[in-house]
Amino acid sequence: MRTGLGLLAVFLIPAGLCGQDRAEPAPKDGSPSLSEDQIRDLIRQVADADLQNDKKQRDYTYTERDEMRMLDGKGRVKSTESKTYEVMELYGSEVHRLMAKDDKALSGDAARKEEERIQKVVARHANEDEKERQRRQERSEKRRDEDRQFVREVADAYNFHLAGVESPDGRETYVIDADPRPGYRPHLKEAGFLPKFRFRAWIDKSELEWKKLDIQCIDTVTFGLVLARLHKGSRVVVEQTRVNAEVWLPQHIAVKLDARIALLKGFNVEEDTTYRDYKKFRADTKILSVGEVTERH
């Protein structure tokens, strides 16, 4: 998955969690004071640090559990389903091994079909010639660079305010609020929807890495050829954790999506994703054989 503030590029469109007013944390006595320009520079430094963190993340494997809850018009849960994956890097691409559905391990026909899909994924990458592999890796690097450029645009698109200092997990973080900058004109096409969102970021003071993002939709967003609409009040909360004193890895993502696609009935969805069992792939995890890995699209 994309890490760091690059997640803004992924989640600002399908954002989640119905809007709640942000509670202002009480700044601690002696808290530092940062000017808006200093915060902009800090955001850019976070973008650079996150690029390096992304490279380290590729050395790790972990378990991801996705739970999807469909809601009715009154916000009550109509149905729930979950999928659990082992996530790792293989042949330069992020790969997901499907382990369970609704917390039950795959078996029978489901396991067989997964095996067939796995073999196709592994064979496709294993049989690439050098030019094909290089092109795929270049596309991946281009995407990561676009994420970095996007975050740098975020630094220009918002007015920033230091709301305080907090210490989640015992690590001191700057708590920074970002509200759309009046009159902002985007340089990147993808940044055109930024004025429709505001966010709060928790940035680790010693590592200059983000710990948590709370992104809220403050106006209806229309996008795509099918006239999909993301309604005001949607929200997503994303958290990372420090692992092995060397890398930041995904910890938790909570999404509640209130949207409508074309003339279809609007739908409400909650998605909760948790991550665990972090292991350094090159150090203490065996290379998975054919039939043990899968790629999710």
Protein backbone atom coordinates (compact mmCIF):
# COMPACT_ATOMS: atom_id res chain seq x y z
CA MET A 1 0.00 0.00 0.00
CA ARG A 2 1.05 3.59 -0.29
CA THR A 3 2.51 4.92 2.89
CA GLY A 4 2.96 8.29 4.50
CA LEU A 5 1.32 11.49 3.40
CA GLY A 6 1.12 9.91 -0.04
CA LEU A 7 -2.01 8.31 1.39
CA LEU A 8 -3.64 11.69 0.92
CA ALA A 9 -3.56 10.99 -2.79
CA VAL A 10 -5.24 7.62 -2.25
CA PHE A 11 -7.86 8.52 0.36
CA LEU A 12 -8.86 12.10 -0.23
CA ILE A 13 -11.21 10.91 -2.99
CA PRO A 14 -12.69 7.79 -1.32
CA ALA A 15 -12.57 9.41 2.12
CA GLY A 16 -14.55 8.13 5.08
CA LEU A 17 -16.05 8.54 8.58
CA CYS A 18 -18.95 10.99 8.84
CA GLY A 19 -17.74 14.42 9.86
CA GLN A 20 -17.27 15.38 13.46
CA ASP A 21 -15.99 18.70 14.67
CA ARG A 22 -12.33 18.57 15.58
CA ALA A 23 -11.61 18.89 19.28
CA GLU A 24 -8.72 21.20 20.00
CA PRO A 25 -6.07 19.52 22.17
CA ALA A 26 -4.83 21.61 25.05
CA PRO A 27 -1.23 22.60 24.26
CA LYS A 28 1.23 21.60 26.94
CA ASP A 29 3.03 24.28 28.87
CA GLY A 30 6.18 25.21 27.05
CA SER A 31 4.95 23.80 23.75
CA PRO A 32 6.93 25.06 20.77
CA SER A 33 5.48 27.71 18.51
CA LEU A 34 5.75 27.16 14.76
CA SER A 35 4.97 29.79 12.16
CA GLU A 36 2.94 28.85 9.11
CA ASP A 37 6.04 28.97 6.90
CA GLN A 38 7.87 26.69 9.32
CA ILE A 39 4.99 24.22 9.18
CA ARG A 40 5.02 24.30 5.36
CA ASP A 41 8.72 23.44 5.44
CA LEU A 42 7.98 20.70 7.96
CA ILE A 43 5.35 19.17 5.65
CA ARG A 44 7.88 19.13 2.79
CA GLN A 45 10.47 17.47 5.05
CA VAL A 46 7.89 14.85 5.97
CA ALA A 47 7.36 14.17 2.25
CA ASP A 48 11.11 13.61 1.78
CA ALA A 49 11.40 11.42 4.89
CA ASP A 50 8.41 9.39 3.78
CA LEU A 51 10.03 8.65 0.44
CA GLN A 52 12.94 7.03 2.25
CA ASN A 53 10.57 5.20 4.60
CA ASP A 54 8.73 3.74 1.62
CA LYS A 55 11.94 2.06 0.47
CA LYS A 56 12.45 0.49 3.90
CA GLN A 57 8.86 -0.71 4.05
CA ARG A 58 9.48 -2.96 1.06
CA ASP A 59 11.68 -5.15 3.28
CA TYR A 60 8.74 -6.05 5.53
CA THR A 61 5.84 -8.47 5.48
CA TYR A 62 2.75 -8.15 7.69
CA THR A 63 -0.86 -9.27 8.08
CA GLU A 64 -3.70 -7.06 6.86
CA ARG A 65 -7.34 -7.60 7.86
CA ASP A 66 -10.03 -5.67 5.94
CA GLU A 67 -13.55 -5.51 7.35
CA MET A 68 -16.34 -3.97 5.24
CA ARG A 69 -19.69 -2.99 6.76
CA MET A 70 -22.63 -1.92 4.60
CA LEU A 71 -25.01 0.53 6.34
CA ASP A 72 -28.66 1.35 5.82
CA GLY A 73 -30.11 4.87 5.61
CA LYS A 74 -30.12 5.15 9.40
CA GLY A 75 -26.51 4.13 9.78
CA ARG A 76 -27.27 0.61 10.99
CA VAL A 77 -25.09 -2.28 9.83
CA LYS A 78 -26.82 -4.39 7.14
CA SER A 79 -23.97 -6.78 6.36
CA THR A 80 -20.33 -7.40 7.27
CA GLU A 81 -17.53 -9.23 5.49
CA SER A 82 -13.81 -9.47 6.08
CA LYS A 83 -10.70 -10.66 4.28
CA THR A 84 -7.27 -11.33 5.76
CA TYR A 85 -4.05 -11.13 3.76
CA GLU A 86 -0.34 -11.58 4.21
CA VAL A 87 1.32 -8.59 2.56
CA MET A 88 4.84 -8.68 1.15
CA GLU A 89 7.03 -7.34 -1.63
CA LEU A 90 7.74 -9.73 -4.51
CA TYR A 91 9.55 -8.96 -7.75
CA GLY A 92 9.35 -5.27 -6.88
CA SER A 93 5.54 -5.28 -6.48
CA GLU A 94 3.30 -5.33 -3.43
CA VAL A 95 1.68 -8.75 -3.21
CA HIS A 96 -1.23 -9.99 -1.07
CA ARG A 97 -1.69 -13.62 -0.08
CA LEU A 98 -5.35 -14.23 0.77
CA MET A 99 -5.43 -16.21 4.00
CA ALA A 100 -9.04 -16.08 5.22
CA LYS A 101 -12.56 -14.81 4.54
CA ASP A 102 -14.76 -13.79 7.46
CA ASP A 103 -11.96 -15.07 9.71
CA LYS A 104 -12.18 -18.60 8.30
CA ALA A 105 -9.12 -20.03 6.55
CA LEU A 106 -9.55 -20.76 2.84
CA SER A 107 -10.27 -24.39 1.98
CA GLY A 108 -11.74 -26.55 -0.80
CA ASP A 109 -12.63 -24.83 -4.06
CA ALA A 110 -11.80 -21.38 -2.68
CA ALA A 111 -8.27 -22.49 -1.83
CA ARG A 112 -7.87 -24.15 -5.23
CA LYS A 113 -9.02 -21.08 -7.14
CA GLU A 114 -6.71 -18.94 -5.07
CA GLU A 115 -3.86 -21.32 -5.89
CA GLU A 116 -4.54 -20.97 -9.61
CA ARG A 117 -4.62 -17.19 -9.37
CA ILE A 118 -1.42 -17.21 -7.35
CA GLN A 119 0.44 -19.29 -9.90
CA LYS A 120 -0.51 -16.85 -12.65
CA VAL A 121 0.75 -13.90 -10.61
CA VAL A 122 4.08 -15.53 -9.74
CA ALA A 123 4.60 -16.88 -13.27
CA ARG A 124 3.87 -13.49 -14.81
CA HIS A 125 6.56 -11.81 -12.72
CA ALA A 126 9.04 -14.70 -12.84
CA ASN A 127 8.88 -14.87 -16.64
CA GLU A 128 9.35 -11.16 -17.23
CA ASP A 129 12.37 -10.24 -19.28
CA GLU A 130 14.67 -7.51 -18.03
CA LYS A 131 13.02 -4.77 -20.11
CA GLU A 132 9.53 -5.66 -18.85
CA ARG A 133 10.71 -5.73 -15.24
CA GLN A 134 12.46 -2.41 -15.65
CA ARG A 135 9.36 -0.80 -17.18
CA ARG A 136 7.18 -2.07 -14.32
CA GLN A 137 9.64 -0.81 -11.71
CA GLU A 138 9.84 2.56 -13.46
CA ARG A 139 6.03 2.83 -13.33
CA SER A 140 6.14 2.06 -9.62
CA GLU A 141 8.82 4.67 -8.99
CA LYS A 142 6.90 7.21 -11.05
CA ARG A 143 3.81 6.63 -8.91
CA ARG A 144 5.82 7.14 -5.73
CA ASP A 145 7.34 10.33 -7.13
CA GLU A 146 3.86 11.59 -8.03
CA ASP A 147 2.79 10.97 -4.43
CA ARG A 148 5.74 13.04 -3.23
CA GLN A 149 4.88 15.90 -5.61
CA PHE A 150 1.29 15.74 -4.43
CA VAL A 151 2.33 16.12 -0.79
CA ARG A 152 4.51 19.09 -1.69
CA GLU A 153 1.45 20.66 -3.31
CA VAL A 154 -0.47 20.02 -0.08
CA ALA A 155 2.09 22.24 1.65
CA ASP A 156 0.99 25.14 -0.60
CA ALA A 157 -2.74 24.40 -0.66
CA TYR A 158 -3.51 24.86 3.04
CA ASN A 159 -3.28 27.29 5.90
CA PHE A 160 -1.62 25.53 8.83
CA HIS A 161 -1.95 25.93 12.57
CA LEU A 162 -0.05 24.21 15.37
CA ALA A 163 -2.86 22.93 17.58
CA GLY A 164 -0.61 21.46 20.24
CA VAL A 165 1.78 18.65 21.12
CA GLU A 166 0.65 15.12 22.01
CA SER A 167 2.47 11.86 22.79
CA PRO A 168 0.63 8.86 21.31
CA ASP A 169 2.51 5.61 22.03
CA GLY A 170 4.94 7.68 24.10
CA ARG A 171 6.33 9.52 21.06
CA GLU A 172 6.02 13.31 21.06
CA THR A 173 4.22 14.66 18.00
CA TYR A 174 3.25 18.02 16.58
CA VAL A 175 -0.52 18.25 16.10
CA ILE A 176 -1.14 20.33 13.00
CA ASP A 177 -4.46 21.50 11.58
CA ALA A 178 -4.77 22.23 7.86
CA ASP A 179 -7.64 24.21 6.32
CA PRO A 180 -8.02 25.07 2.61
CA ARG A 181 -6.17 28.20 1.59
CA PRO A 182 -8.58 30.80 0.10
CA GLY A 183 -7.81 31.52 -3.55
CA TYR A 184 -5.53 28.51 -3.91
CA ARG A 185 -4.95 27.49 -7.55
CA PRO A 186 -3.50 23.97 -7.96
CA HIS A 187 -0.42 23.24 -10.05
CA LEU A 188 -1.22 19.54 -10.32
CA LYS A 189 -4.49 18.40 -11.89
CA GLU A 190 -4.89 15.78 -9.16
CA ALA A 191 -4.78 18.51 -6.50
CA GLY A 192 -7.87 20.30 -7.78
CA PHE A 193 -10.11 18.73 -5.13
CA LEU A 194 -7.92 19.72 -2.15
CA PRO A 195 -10.09 22.74 -1.23
CA LYS A 196 -12.90 20.26 -0.53
CA PHE A 197 -10.98 18.71 2.38
CA ARG A 198 -9.34 19.65 5.62
CA PHE A 199 -7.15 17.47 7.80
CA ARG A 200 -5.27 17.13 11.06
CA ALA A 201 -1.81 15.52 11.09
CA TRP A 202 0.23 14.14 13.97
CA ILE A 203 3.92 14.42 13.01
CA ASP A 204 6.62 12.67 15.02
CA LYS A 205 9.05 15.33 16.24
CA SER A 206 12.20 13.21 16.25
CA GLU A 207 11.63 11.27 13.02
CA LEU A 208 9.73 13.90 10.98
CA GLU A 209 7.33 11.13 9.98
CA TRP A 210 3.56 11.29 10.22
CA LYS A 211 1.95 9.20 12.96
CA LYS A 212 -1.71 9.84 12.17
CA LEU A 213 -3.93 11.61 9.63
CA ASP A 214 -7.56 12.61 10.14
CA ILE A 215 -9.02 13.73 6.79
CA GLN A 216 -12.52 15.23 6.47
CA CYS A 217 -14.63 16.16 3.46
CA ILE A 218 -16.09 19.65 3.97
CA ASP A 219 -17.97 20.00 0.67
CA THR A 220 -19.53 17.66 -1.89
CA VAL A 221 -16.97 16.35 -4.39
CA THR A 222 -17.93 15.31 -7.92
CA PHE A 223 -15.42 13.32 -9.94
CA GLY A 224 -15.07 10.83 -12.76
CA LEU A 225 -17.00 10.27 -15.99
CA VAL A 226 -19.81 8.52 -14.10
CA LEU A 227 -20.46 11.58 -11.95
CA ALA A 228 -19.61 9.91 -8.68
CA ARG A 229 -20.21 12.13 -5.67
CA LEU A 230 -18.56 12.07 -2.29
CA HIS A 231 -20.75 13.83 0.24
CA LYS A 232 -19.80 16.42 2.80
CA GLY A 233 -18.95 14.82 6.14
CA SER A 234 -17.06 11.79 4.80
CA ARG A 235 -13.87 11.05 6.69
CA VAL A 236 -10.81 8.77 6.88
CA VAL A 237 -8.40 8.23 9.76
CA VAL A 238 -5.01 6.64 9.01
CA GLU A 239 -2.38 5.59 11.56
CA GLN A 240 1.21 4.33 11.36
CA THR A 241 3.48 2.71 13.94
CA ARG A 242 7.25 2.62 14.42
CA VAL A 243 8.73 -0.89 13.92
CA ASN A 244 12.22 -2.15 14.83
CA ALA A 245 13.40 1.43 15.41
CA GLU A 246 13.92 1.81 11.66
CA VAL A 247 10.64 2.01 9.72
CA TRP A 248 7.07 3.28 9.92
CA LEU A 249 4.42 0.76 8.84
CA PRO A 250 0.61 0.93 8.51
CA GLN A 251 -1.28 0.25 11.74
CA HIS A 252 -4.95 1.16 11.26
CA ILE A 253 -7.27 2.77 8.70
CA ALA A 254 -10.89 3.66 9.48
CA VAL A 255 -13.17 4.83 6.66
CA LYS A 256 -16.83 5.76 6.45
CA LEU A 257 -17.95 6.56 2.93
CA ASP A 258 -21.13 8.48 2.10
CA ALA A 259 -21.39 8.60 -1.69
CA ARG A 260 -23.53 8.32 -4.81
CA ILE A 261 -22.54 7.01 -8.25
CA ALA A 262 -24.39 8.47 -11.26
CA LEU A 263 -28.14 7.95 -10.84
CA LEU A 264 -27.74 4.97 -8.52
CA LYS A 265 -28.98 5.01 -4.96
CA GLY A 266 -26.52 6.48 -2.50
CA PHE A 267 -24.62 4.07 -0.31
CA ASN A 268 -22.95 4.18 3.08
CA VAL A 269 -19.93 1.99 3.80
CA GLU A 270 -17.65 1.60 6.78
CA GLU A 271 -14.27 -0.05 6.30
CA ASP A 272 -11.85 -0.91 9.05
CA THR A 273 -8.34 -2.16 8.20
CA THR A 274 -5.86 -3.35 10.80
CA TYR A 275 -2.24 -4.45 10.41
CA ARG A 276 -0.14 -6.75 12.61
CA ASP A 277 2.64 -9.38 12.69
CA TYR A 278 5.35 -7.18 11.21
CA LYS A 279 8.42 -9.16 10.11
CA LYS A 280 11.52 -8.14 8.24
CA PHE A 281 11.25 -10.23 5.09
CA ARG A 282 14.94 -10.45 4.24
CA ALA A 283 15.91 -11.23 7.82
CA ASP A 284 13.41 -13.68 9.30
CA THR A 285 10.82 -14.66 6.70
CA LYS A 286 11.30 -17.44 4.16
CA ILE A 287 10.71 -16.79 0.47
CA LEU A 288 7.18 -17.95 -0.29
CA SER A 289 6.84 -20.65 -2.92
CA VAL A 290 4.43 -20.75 -5.84
CA GLY A 291 0.95 -21.08 -4.40
CA GLU A 292 1.64 -19.02 -1.31
CA VAL A 293 1.33 -15.48 -2.62
CA THR A 294 -1.32 -13.49 -4.46
CA GLU A 295 -1.66 -10.01 -5.81
CA ARG A 296 -4.76 -7.94 -5.09
CA HIS A 297 -5.87 -5.39 -7.69
